[in-house]
Amino acid sequence: IRTRAVGAPMKRPLATSTGAITVAPLLLLDLQTDAGITGRSYLFGIGAHNLKPIAALVEAMAGMVKGDPVAPADLERKLRAKYTLLGVHNIVYFAMSGIDMAAWDALGQAQKLPLVRLLGGAPRPIQAYNSKGLGIMPLKPLAKEAAALVKEGFSAVKLRLGRPHAVDDLAALRTVKKALGPNVILMVDFNQGLGVAEAIKRGRMIDDE
């Protein structure tokens, strides 16, 4: 399994309540098999500083599964057992999921089947929402960006909340709702910016919106 860290520039830098993201830090994974098939996946590291430790974990796990059959469920079971004491969470889970996705990709290629077929489903259209904007910003550009995101062909978008004052969150929510109109679904995300009591308070605040 080979890894490569890259920084993908973002057309719309995203400012959340807990920080701004201007570049998407990605870890690219290539899972090479003796059949000549390479399964691929990528992990979004949140911050560039996370890529090195995630890559180190992937490389450690690669040594544990080298030579094993490309059987995703068995690979996951084996890796989970190796990390029982440390716990399968946070970046351990990140690394494991990257290997899991790459293994499914390789298996799908070997079977000449799309992943949905491999998992027993059928290809069909699914709903998606536009989540690449609507960060913490002044109200005028917020309304303009909301309209632009819908024009890209989506019928649902996500707004970032978590401003210092609850009343400003409410103003942002109402501004975007007005810009979108009644036929677009609007979701919100506070991005881990609130304590428990304040999260409950603001959740109730937007119940009627």
Protein backbone atom coordinates (compact mmCIF):
# COMPACT_ATOMS: atom_id res chain seq x y z
CA ILE A 1 0.00 0.00 0.00
CA ARG A 2 1.51 3.31 -1.09
CA THR A 3 0.45 6.68 0.26
CA ARG A 4 0.90 10.20 -1.06
CA ALA A 5 -0.09 13.43 0.67
CA VAL A 6 -1.45 16.27 -1.47
CA GLY A 7 -3.06 19.65 -0.90
CA ALA A 8 -5.98 20.36 -3.24
CA PRO A 9 -6.81 24.08 -3.58
CA MET A 10 -10.42 24.91 -2.77
CA LYS A 11 -12.36 27.20 -5.05
CA ARG A 12 -14.37 28.37 -2.06
CA PRO A 13 -12.34 28.58 1.16
CA LEU A 14 -14.55 27.39 4.00
CA ALA A 15 -14.70 29.33 7.27
CA THR A 16 -16.35 27.41 10.10
CA SER A 17 -16.86 28.26 13.76
CA THR A 18 -13.70 26.32 14.61
CA GLY A 19 -11.37 27.52 11.85
CA ALA A 20 -10.94 28.13 8.12
CA ILE A 21 -10.02 25.56 5.48
CA THR A 22 -8.44 26.94 2.32
CA VAL A 23 -6.78 23.77 1.02
CA ALA A 24 -8.16 20.22 1.17
CA PRO A 25 -5.43 18.01 2.72
CA LEU A 26 -5.78 14.56 1.17
CA LEU A 27 -3.93 11.29 1.61
CA LEU A 28 -4.04 9.19 -1.58
CA LEU A 29 -3.85 5.41 -1.17
CA ASP A 30 -2.84 2.80 -3.78
CA LEU A 31 -3.41 -0.81 -2.76
CA GLN A 32 -1.37 -2.96 -5.14
CA THR A 33 -2.24 -6.61 -5.70
CA ASP A 34 -0.32 -9.51 -7.24
CA ALA A 35 -3.04 -9.67 -9.90
CA GLY A 36 -1.86 -6.34 -11.30
CA ILE A 37 -4.95 -4.50 -10.04
CA THR A 38 -4.55 -1.35 -7.95
CA GLY A 39 -7.36 -0.34 -5.61
CA ARG A 40 -7.50 3.36 -4.84
CA SER A 41 -8.99 5.58 -2.16
CA TYR A 42 -8.35 8.90 -0.47
CA LEU A 43 -8.72 10.31 3.02
CA PHE A 44 -9.59 13.89 3.93
CA GLY A 45 -7.21 14.78 6.76
CA ILE A 46 -9.02 17.93 7.96
CA GLY A 47 -5.63 19.61 8.49
CA ALA A 48 -2.28 19.09 6.73
CA HIS A 49 -0.64 18.30 10.08
CA ASN A 50 -2.78 15.15 10.34
CA LEU A 51 -1.59 13.56 7.10
CA LYS A 52 1.81 12.38 8.34
CA PRO A 53 0.50 10.40 11.37
CA ILE A 54 -2.37 8.96 9.29
CA ALA A 55 0.11 7.88 6.60
CA ALA A 56 2.31 6.26 9.26
CA LEU A 57 -0.68 4.27 10.53
CA VAL A 58 -1.63 3.18 7.00
CA GLU A 59 1.94 2.01 6.40
CA ALA A 60 1.96 0.08 9.69
CA MET A 61 -1.36 -1.57 8.82
CA ALA A 62 -0.09 -2.37 5.32
CA GLY A 63 2.59 -4.55 6.86
CA MET A 64 -0.06 -6.42 8.84
CA VAL A 65 -2.14 -7.35 5.77
CA LYS A 66 0.62 -7.85 3.19
CA GLY A 67 0.05 -11.12 1.36
CA ASP A 68 -3.55 -11.48 2.56
CA PRO A 69 -6.40 -12.07 0.07
CA VAL A 70 -8.33 -8.96 -0.98
CA ALA A 71 -11.33 -9.78 1.22
CA PRO A 72 -12.42 -6.44 2.73
CA ALA A 73 -14.45 -7.86 5.62
CA ASP A 74 -11.59 -10.15 6.68
CA LEU A 75 -9.04 -7.34 6.38
CA GLU A 76 -11.17 -5.09 8.58
CA ARG A 77 -11.66 -7.85 11.14
CA LYS A 78 -7.91 -8.49 11.28
CA LEU A 79 -7.01 -4.81 11.67
CA ARG A 80 -9.65 -4.27 14.34
CA ALA A 81 -8.17 -7.13 16.33
CA LYS A 82 -4.69 -5.61 16.06
CA TYR A 83 -5.94 -2.34 17.56
CA THR A 84 -8.21 -3.74 20.28
CA LEU A 85 -6.24 -2.26 23.17
CA LEU A 86 -5.56 1.13 21.57
CA GLY A 87 -9.12 1.39 20.28
CA VAL A 88 -10.55 1.75 16.79
CA HIS A 89 -11.36 5.46 16.68
CA ASN A 90 -9.99 8.81 15.51
CA ILE A 91 -7.06 8.47 13.10
CA VAL A 92 -6.83 4.70 13.63
CA TYR A 93 -10.29 4.50 12.08
CA PHE A 94 -9.24 6.98 9.36
CA ALA A 95 -6.33 4.77 8.33
CA MET A 96 -8.38 1.58 8.48
CA SER A 97 -11.16 3.08 6.37
CA GLY A 98 -8.68 4.11 3.67
CA ILE A 99 -7.48 0.51 3.35
CA ASP A 100 -11.06 -0.76 3.44
CA MET A 101 -12.17 1.51 0.56
CA ALA A 102 -9.10 0.66 -1.52
CA ALA A 103 -9.73 -3.07 -0.97
CA TRP A 104 -13.35 -2.76 -2.10
CA ASP A 105 -12.17 -0.83 -5.15
CA ALA A 106 -9.67 -3.56 -6.07
CA LEU A 107 -12.28 -6.29 -5.53
CA GLY A 108 -14.81 -4.46 -7.71
CA GLN A 109 -12.26 -4.12 -10.50
CA ALA A 110 -11.37 -7.82 -10.24
CA GLN A 111 -15.04 -8.79 -10.48
CA LYS A 112 -15.67 -6.15 -13.18
CA LEU A 113 -18.56 -4.82 -11.09
CA PRO A 114 -19.37 -1.36 -9.73
CA LEU A 115 -19.26 -1.28 -5.94
CA VAL A 116 -23.03 -0.92 -5.62
CA ARG A 117 -23.50 -4.23 -7.48
CA LEU A 118 -20.77 -5.89 -5.44
CA LEU A 119 -22.63 -4.93 -2.26
CA GLY A 120 -25.91 -6.30 -3.57
CA GLY A 121 -27.55 -3.08 -4.72
CA ALA A 122 -28.50 -1.53 -8.06
CA PRO A 123 -27.18 1.69 -9.61
CA ARG A 124 -29.75 4.48 -9.32
CA PRO A 125 -29.87 8.24 -8.89
CA ILE A 126 -29.47 9.45 -5.31
CA GLN A 127 -30.06 12.83 -3.75
CA ALA A 128 -27.06 14.98 -2.91
CA TYR A 129 -26.58 18.35 -1.25
CA ASN A 130 -24.03 21.08 -1.87
CA SER A 131 -21.73 21.39 1.14
CA LYS A 132 -18.79 23.32 -0.29
CA GLY A 133 -19.71 26.80 0.86
CA LEU A 134 -21.89 28.90 3.15
CA GLY A 135 -19.23 29.37 5.78
CA ILE A 136 -19.01 32.09 8.42
CA MET A 137 -19.20 35.31 6.40
CA PRO A 138 -21.20 38.58 6.18
CA LEU A 139 -24.86 38.28 5.20
CA LYS A 140 -24.69 39.80 1.70
CA PRO A 141 -22.08 37.43 0.28
CA LEU A 142 -23.78 34.60 2.16
CA ALA A 143 -27.03 35.12 0.27
CA LYS A 144 -25.15 35.42 -3.03
CA GLU A 145 -23.22 32.20 -2.43
CA ALA A 146 -26.39 30.31 -1.47
CA ALA A 147 -27.94 31.16 -4.83
CA ALA A 148 -24.74 30.15 -6.65
CA LEU A 149 -24.61 26.74 -4.95
CA VAL A 150 -28.18 25.94 -5.98
CA LYS A 151 -27.44 26.98 -9.57
CA GLU A 152 -24.87 24.18 -9.74
CA GLY A 153 -27.79 21.75 -9.89
CA PHE A 154 -28.55 20.96 -6.24
CA SER A 155 -31.87 21.14 -4.43
CA ALA A 156 -30.31 21.13 -0.94
CA VAL A 157 -27.42 23.01 0.68
CA LYS A 158 -25.71 23.18 4.08
CA LEU A 159 -25.05 26.34 6.08
CA ARG A 160 -22.33 26.71 8.72
CA LEU A 161 -23.45 28.22 11.99
CA GLY A 162 -21.71 28.78 15.33
CA ARG A 163 -21.10 32.53 15.36
CA PRO A 164 -20.12 34.16 18.67
CA HIS A 165 -23.69 35.41 19.21
CA ALA A 166 -26.82 33.30 18.69
CA VAL A 167 -28.73 36.23 17.19
CA ASP A 168 -26.17 36.37 14.35
CA ASP A 169 -26.72 32.69 13.60
CA LEU A 170 -30.44 33.33 13.38
CA ALA A 171 -29.89 36.27 11.01
CA ALA A 172 -27.65 34.13 8.78
CA LEU A 173 -30.18 31.32 8.70
CA ARG A 174 -33.05 33.63 7.74
CA THR A 175 -30.95 35.40 5.11
CA VAL A 176 -30.06 32.14 3.38
CA LYS A 177 -33.62 30.81 3.61
CA LYS A 178 -34.90 33.95 1.93
CA ALA A 179 -32.29 33.70 -0.82
CA LEU A 180 -33.09 30.04 -1.50
CA GLY A 181 -36.86 30.16 -1.48
CA PRO A 182 -39.28 27.47 -0.27
CA ASN A 183 -38.25 24.64 -2.62
CA VAL A 184 -34.65 24.16 -1.50
CA ILE A 185 -33.77 22.06 1.56
CA LEU A 186 -31.51 23.88 4.02
CA MET A 187 -29.37 22.04 6.58
CA VAL A 188 -27.07 23.54 9.19
CA ASP A 189 -23.85 22.47 10.92
CA PHE A 190 -22.31 24.09 14.00
CA ASN A 191 -18.99 22.30 13.32
CA GLN A 192 -18.16 21.38 16.93
CA GLY A 193 -18.09 25.04 17.90
CA LEU A 194 -20.50 24.92 20.87
CA GLY A 195 -20.60 23.48 24.35
CA VAL A 196 -23.47 21.15 25.27
CA ALA A 197 -25.73 23.77 26.93
CA GLU A 198 -25.28 26.30 24.12
CA ALA A 199 -25.82 23.61 21.47
CA ILE A 200 -29.15 22.66 23.05
CA LYS A 201 -30.14 26.33 23.29
CA ARG A 202 -29.33 27.08 19.66
CA GLY A 203 -30.92 23.87 18.45
CA ARG A 204 -34.17 24.91 20.12
CA MET A 205 -33.73 28.43 18.77
CA ILE A 206 -33.92 27.20 15.17
CA ASP A 207 -36.68 24.60 15.76
CA ASP A 208 -39.35 26.87 14.29
CA GLU A 209 -37.23 28.03 11.36
